[in-house]
Amino acid sequence: MARTIDEDCINCGRCEEFCPVNAIYQGKEHREVDAEKCIDCFACEIECPVNAAYLKP
């Protein structure tokens, strides 16, 4: 399963910085997760200061 980043994202870039597989990129409104690359390591969720990254339902 892949993580997702929602509209609460403040575009600080921490998730992208700490992603070990470069699965996070800048989308139109906020950071996005490439589900094909995501290894579900929780790094983005742990580093997100506003809890915008989480397990995709």
PDB file of N, CA and C in Angstrom:
ATOM      1  N   MET A   1       0.838  -1.176   0.000  1.00  0.00           N
ATOM      2  CA  MET A   1       0.000   0.000   0.000  1.00  0.00           C
ATOM      3  C   MET A   1       0.884   1.241   0.000  1.00  0.00           C
ATOM      4  N   ALA A   2       0.367   2.293  -0.541  1.00  0.00           N
ATOM      5  CA  ALA A   2       1.119   3.543  -0.617  1.00  0.00           C
ATOM      6  C   ALA A   2       0.547   4.582   0.326  1.00  0.00           C
ATOM      7  N   ARG A   3       1.355   5.526   0.656  1.00  0.00           N
ATOM      8  CA  ARG A   3       0.940   6.670   1.456  1.00  0.00           C
ATOM      9  C   ARG A   3       0.261   7.692   0.541  1.00  0.00           C
ATOM     10  N   THR A   4      -0.421   8.637   1.130  1.00  0.00           N
ATOM     11  CA  THR A   4      -1.003   9.742   0.395  1.00  0.00           C
ATOM     12  C   THR A   4      -0.732  11.013   1.183  1.00  0.00           C
ATOM     13  N   ILE A   5      -0.784  12.138   0.524  1.00  0.00           N
ATOM     14  CA  ILE A   5      -0.611  13.437   1.167  1.00  0.00           C
ATOM     15  C   ILE A   5      -1.837  14.258   0.821  1.00  0.00           C
ATOM     16  N   ASP A   6      -2.503  14.793   1.846  1.00  0.00           N
ATOM     17  CA  ASP A   6      -3.759  15.497   1.598  1.00  0.00           C
ATOM     18  C   ASP A   6      -3.584  17.018   1.546  1.00  0.00           C
ATOM     19  N   GLU A   7      -4.703  17.723   1.461  1.00  0.00           N
ATOM     20  CA  GLU A   7      -4.701  19.179   1.292  1.00  0.00           C
ATOM     21  C   GLU A   7      -4.206  19.931   2.524  1.00  0.00           C
ATOM     22  N   ASP A   8      -3.968  19.242   3.627  1.00  0.00           N
ATOM     23  CA  ASP A   8      -3.393  19.892   4.806  1.00  0.00           C
ATOM     24  C   ASP A   8      -1.895  20.172   4.637  1.00  0.00           C
ATOM     25  N   CYS A   9      -1.308  19.633   3.596  1.00  0.00           N
ATOM     26  CA  CYS A   9       0.121  19.814   3.309  1.00  0.00           C
ATOM     27  C   CYS A   9       0.462  21.304   3.223  1.00  0.00           C
ATOM     28  N   ILE A  10       1.549  21.701   3.892  1.00  0.00           N
ATOM     29  CA  ILE A  10       1.997  23.098   3.880  1.00  0.00           C
ATOM     30  C   ILE A  10       3.210  23.292   2.963  1.00  0.00           C
ATOM     31  N   ASN A  11       3.554  22.276   2.181  1.00  0.00           N
ATOM     32  CA  ASN A  11       4.664  22.333   1.218  1.00  0.00           C
ATOM     33  C   ASN A  11       6.004  22.668   1.853  1.00  0.00           C
ATOM     34  N   CYS A  12       6.256  22.125   3.025  1.00  0.00           N
ATOM     35  CA  CYS A  12       7.539  22.375   3.683  1.00  0.00           C
ATOM     36  C   CYS A  12       8.673  21.559   3.068  1.00  0.00           C
ATOM     37  N   GLY A  13       8.330  20.421   2.431  1.00  0.00           N
ATOM     38  CA  GLY A  13       9.326  19.598   1.758  1.00  0.00           C
ATOM     39  C   GLY A  13       9.988  18.538   2.620  1.00  0.00           C
ATOM     40  N   ARG A  14       9.636  18.463   3.892  1.00  0.00           N
ATOM     41  CA  ARG A  14      10.271  17.468   4.768  1.00  0.00           C
ATOM     42  C   ARG A  14      10.017  16.039   4.271  1.00  0.00           C
ATOM     43  N   CYS A  15       8.812  15.754   3.847  1.00  0.00           N
ATOM     44  CA  CYS A  15       8.493  14.407   3.380  1.00  0.00           C
ATOM     45  C   CYS A  15       9.360  14.036   2.177  1.00  0.00           C
ATOM     46  N   GLU A  16       9.497  14.962   1.266  1.00  0.00           N
ATOM     47  CA  GLU A  16      10.302  14.724   0.064  1.00  0.00           C
ATOM     48  C   GLU A  16      11.774  14.533   0.428  1.00  0.00           C
ATOM     49  N   GLU A  17      12.248  15.328   1.354  1.00  0.00           N
ATOM     50  CA  GLU A  17      13.639  15.264   1.805  1.00  0.00           C
ATOM     51  C   GLU A  17      13.975  13.918   2.435  1.00  0.00           C
ATOM     52  N   PHE A  18      13.053  13.356   3.203  1.00  0.00           N
ATOM     53  CA  PHE A  18      13.324  12.126   3.940  1.00  0.00           C
ATOM     54  C   PHE A  18      12.877  10.847   3.240  1.00  0.00           C
ATOM     55  N   CYS A  19      12.206  10.953   2.103  1.00  0.00           N
ATOM     56  CA  CYS A  19      11.770   9.752   1.372  1.00  0.00           C
ATOM     57  C   CYS A  19      12.990   9.029   0.798  1.00  0.00           C
ATOM     58  N   PRO A  20      13.228   7.779   1.210  1.00  0.00           N
ATOM     59  CA  PRO A  20      14.425   7.064   0.760  1.00  0.00           C
ATOM     60  C   PRO A  20      14.373   6.595  -0.699  1.00  0.00           C
ATOM     61  N   VAL A  21      13.208   6.627  -1.317  1.00  0.00           N
ATOM     62  CA  VAL A  21      13.092   6.135  -2.693  1.00  0.00           C
ATOM     63  C   VAL A  21      12.621   7.225  -3.662  1.00  0.00           C
ATOM     64  N   ASN A  22      12.640   8.481  -3.220  1.00  0.00           N
ATOM     65  CA  ASN A  22      12.240   9.617  -4.061  1.00  0.00           C
ATOM     66  C   ASN A  22      10.850   9.443  -4.666  1.00  0.00           C
ATOM     67  N   ALA A  23       9.912   8.997  -3.841  1.00  0.00           N
ATOM     68  CA  ALA A  23       8.542   8.770  -4.308  1.00  0.00           C
ATOM     69  C   ALA A  23       7.660  10.008  -4.162  1.00  0.00           C
ATOM     70  N   ILE A  24       8.180  11.062  -3.567  1.00  0.00           N
ATOM     71  CA  ILE A  24       7.382  12.265  -3.323  1.00  0.00           C
ATOM     72  C   ILE A  24       7.853  13.385  -4.228  1.00  0.00           C
ATOM     73  N   TYR A  25       6.898  14.104  -4.787  1.00  0.00           N
ATOM     74  CA  TYR A  25       7.208  15.192  -5.718  1.00  0.00           C
ATOM     75  C   TYR A  25       6.213  16.327  -5.518  1.00  0.00           C
ATOM     76  N   GLN A  26       6.550  17.500  -6.027  1.00  0.00           N
ATOM     77  CA  GLN A  26       5.670  18.668  -5.923  1.00  0.00           C
ATOM     78  C   GLN A  26       4.555  18.550  -6.946  1.00  0.00           C
ATOM     79  N   GLY A  27       3.320  18.495  -6.475  1.00  0.00           N
ATOM     80  CA  GLY A  27       2.155  18.471  -7.346  1.00  0.00           C
ATOM     81  C   GLY A  27       1.664  19.886  -7.602  1.00  0.00           C
ATOM     82  N   LYS A  28       0.488  20.016  -8.179  1.00  0.00           N
ATOM     83  CA  LYS A  28      -0.067  21.345  -8.476  1.00  0.00           C
ATOM     84  C   LYS A  28      -0.343  22.148  -7.211  1.00  0.00           C
ATOM     85  N   GLU A  29      -0.956  21.515  -6.217  1.00  0.00           N
ATOM     86  CA  GLU A  29      -1.351  22.213  -4.987  1.00  0.00           C
ATOM     87  C   GLU A  29      -0.432  21.901  -3.804  1.00  0.00           C
ATOM     88  N   HIS A  30       0.051  20.663  -3.731  1.00  0.00           N
ATOM     89  CA  HIS A  30       0.880  20.220  -2.609  1.00  0.00           C
ATOM     90  C   HIS A  30       1.700  19.014  -3.041  1.00  0.00           C
ATOM     91  N   ARG A  31       2.503  18.484  -2.138  1.00  0.00           N
ATOM     92  CA  ARG A  31       3.312  17.314  -2.447  1.00  0.00           C
ATOM     93  C   ARG A  31       2.394  16.128  -2.753  1.00  0.00           C
ATOM     94  N   GLU A  32       2.880  15.228  -3.605  1.00  0.00           N
ATOM     95  CA  GLU A  32       2.146  14.022  -3.996  1.00  0.00           C
ATOM     96  C   GLU A  32       3.067  12.812  -3.813  1.00  0.00           C
ATOM     97  N   VAL A  33       2.479  11.620  -3.727  1.00  0.00           N
ATOM     98  CA  VAL A  33       3.234  10.383  -3.585  1.00  0.00           C
ATOM     99  C   VAL A  33       3.033   9.536  -4.832  1.00  0.00           C
ATOM    100  N   ASP A  34       4.140   9.083  -5.423  1.00  0.00           N
ATOM    101  CA  ASP A  34       4.094   8.158  -6.556  1.00  0.00           C
ATOM    102  C   ASP A  34       3.888   6.760  -5.974  1.00  0.00           C
ATOM    103  N   ALA A  35       2.692   6.222  -6.111  1.00  0.00           N
ATOM    104  CA  ALA A  35       2.346   4.923  -5.522  1.00  0.00           C
ATOM    105  C   ALA A  35       3.201   3.782  -6.052  1.00  0.00           C
ATOM    106  N   GLU A  36       3.708   3.915  -7.256  1.00  0.00           N
ATOM    107  CA  GLU A  36       4.554   2.868  -7.845  1.00  0.00           C
ATOM    108  C   GLU A  36       5.922   2.800  -7.160  1.00  0.00           C
ATOM    109  N   LYS A  37       6.404   3.926  -6.671  1.00  0.00           N
ATOM    110  CA  LYS A  37       7.720   3.979  -6.022  1.00  0.00           C
ATOM    111  C   LYS A  37       7.653   3.794  -4.514  1.00  0.00           C
ATOM    112  N   CYS A  38       6.530   4.153  -3.901  1.00  0.00           N
ATOM    113  CA  CYS A  38       6.389   4.135  -2.442  1.00  0.00           C
ATOM    114  C   CYS A  38       6.609   2.735  -1.879  1.00  0.00           C
ATOM    115  N   ILE A  39       7.461   2.632  -0.860  1.00  0.00           N
ATOM    116  CA  ILE A  39       7.731   1.342  -0.211  1.00  0.00           C
ATOM    117  C   ILE A  39       7.076   1.259   1.171  1.00  0.00           C
ATOM    118  N   ASP A  40       6.208   2.229   1.473  1.00  0.00           N
ATOM    119  CA  ASP A  40       5.430   2.233   2.709  1.00  0.00           C
ATOM    120  C   ASP A  40       6.336   2.170   3.941  1.00  0.00           C
ATOM    121  N   CYS A  41       7.331   3.046   3.965  1.00  0.00           N
ATOM    122  CA  CYS A  41       8.309   3.039   5.055  1.00  0.00           C
ATOM    123  C   CYS A  41       7.946   3.955   6.215  1.00  0.00           C
ATOM    124  N   PHE A  42       6.918   4.772   6.052  1.00  0.00           N
ATOM    125  CA  PHE A  42       6.438   5.692   7.090  1.00  0.00           C
ATOM    126  C   PHE A  42       7.289   6.954   7.247  1.00  0.00           C
ATOM    127  N   ALA A  43       8.378   7.121   6.505  1.00  0.00           N
ATOM    128  CA  ALA A  43       9.252   8.287   6.680  1.00  0.00           C
ATOM    129  C   ALA A  43       8.477   9.584   6.487  1.00  0.00           C
ATOM    130  N   CYS A  44       7.653   9.659   5.467  1.00  0.00           N
ATOM    131  CA  CYS A  44       6.893  10.888   5.216  1.00  0.00           C
ATOM    132  C   CYS A  44       5.911  11.167   6.348  1.00  0.00           C
ATOM    133  N   GLU A  45       5.264  10.126   6.823  1.00  0.00           N
ATOM    134  CA  GLU A  45       4.283  10.275   7.900  1.00  0.00           C
ATOM    135  C   GLU A  45       4.969  10.727   9.190  1.00  0.00           C
ATOM    136  N   ILE A  46       6.116  10.173   9.485  1.00  0.00           N
ATOM    137  CA  ILE A  46       6.867  10.525  10.689  1.00  0.00           C
ATOM    138  C   ILE A  46       7.365  11.966  10.628  1.00  0.00           C
ATOM    139  N   GLU A  47       7.839  12.398   9.475  1.00  0.00           N
ATOM    140  CA  GLU A  47       8.436  13.720   9.332  1.00  0.00           C
ATOM    141  C   GLU A  47       7.435  14.846   9.107  1.00  0.00           C
ATOM    142  N   CYS A  48       6.227  14.552   8.729  1.00  0.00           N
ATOM    143  CA  CYS A  48       5.248  15.595   8.403  1.00  0.00           C
ATOM    144  C   CYS A  48       4.823  16.358   9.658  1.00  0.00           C
ATOM    145  N   PRO A  49       5.054  17.677   9.694  1.00  0.00           N
ATOM    146  CA  PRO A  49       4.705  18.458  10.886  1.00  0.00           C
ATOM    147  C   PRO A  49       3.204  18.722  11.048  1.00  0.00           C
ATOM    148  N   VAL A  50       2.419  18.484  10.000  1.00  0.00           N
ATOM    149  CA  VAL A  50       0.971  18.742  10.072  1.00  0.00           C
ATOM    150  C   VAL A  50       0.129  17.486   9.847  1.00  0.00           C
ATOM    151  N   ASN A  51       0.770  16.328   9.884  1.00  0.00           N
ATOM    152  CA  ASN A  51       0.080  15.037   9.711  1.00  0.00           C
ATOM    153  C   ASN A  51      -0.720  14.940   8.415  1.00  0.00           C
ATOM    154  N   ALA A  52      -0.151  15.457   7.338  1.00  0.00           N
ATOM    155  CA  ALA A  52      -0.821  15.411   6.043  1.00  0.00           C
ATOM    156  C   ALA A  52      -0.505  14.127   5.266  1.00  0.00           C
ATOM    157  N   ALA A  53       0.503  13.386   5.705  1.00  0.00           N
ATOM    158  CA  ALA A  53       0.885  12.144   5.044  1.00  0.00           C
ATOM    159  C   ALA A  53       0.367  10.968   5.871  1.00  0.00           C
ATOM    160  N   TYR A  54      -0.296  10.031   5.210  1.00  0.00           N
ATOM    161  CA  TYR A  54      -0.859   8.895   5.916  1.00  0.00           C
ATOM    162  C   TYR A  54      -1.134   7.749   4.960  1.00  0.00           C
ATOM    163  N   LEU A  55      -1.493   6.592   5.498  1.00  0.00           N
ATOM    164  CA  LEU A  55      -1.799   5.413   4.694  1.00  0.00           C
ATOM    165  C   LEU A  55      -3.047   5.679   3.859  1.00  0.00           C
ATOM    166  N   LYS A  56      -2.941   5.436   2.580  1.00  0.00           N
ATOM    167  CA  LYS A  56      -4.068   5.649   1.670  1.00  0.00           C
ATOM    168  C   LYS A  56      -5.167   4.637   1.963  1.00  0.00           C
ATOM    169  N   PRO A  57      -6.392   5.124   2.209  1.00  0.00           N
ATOM    170  CA  PRO A  57      -7.488   4.190   2.531  1.00  0.00           C
ATOM    171  C   PRO A  57      -7.891   3.323   1.354  1.00  0.00           C
TER     172      PRO A  57
END
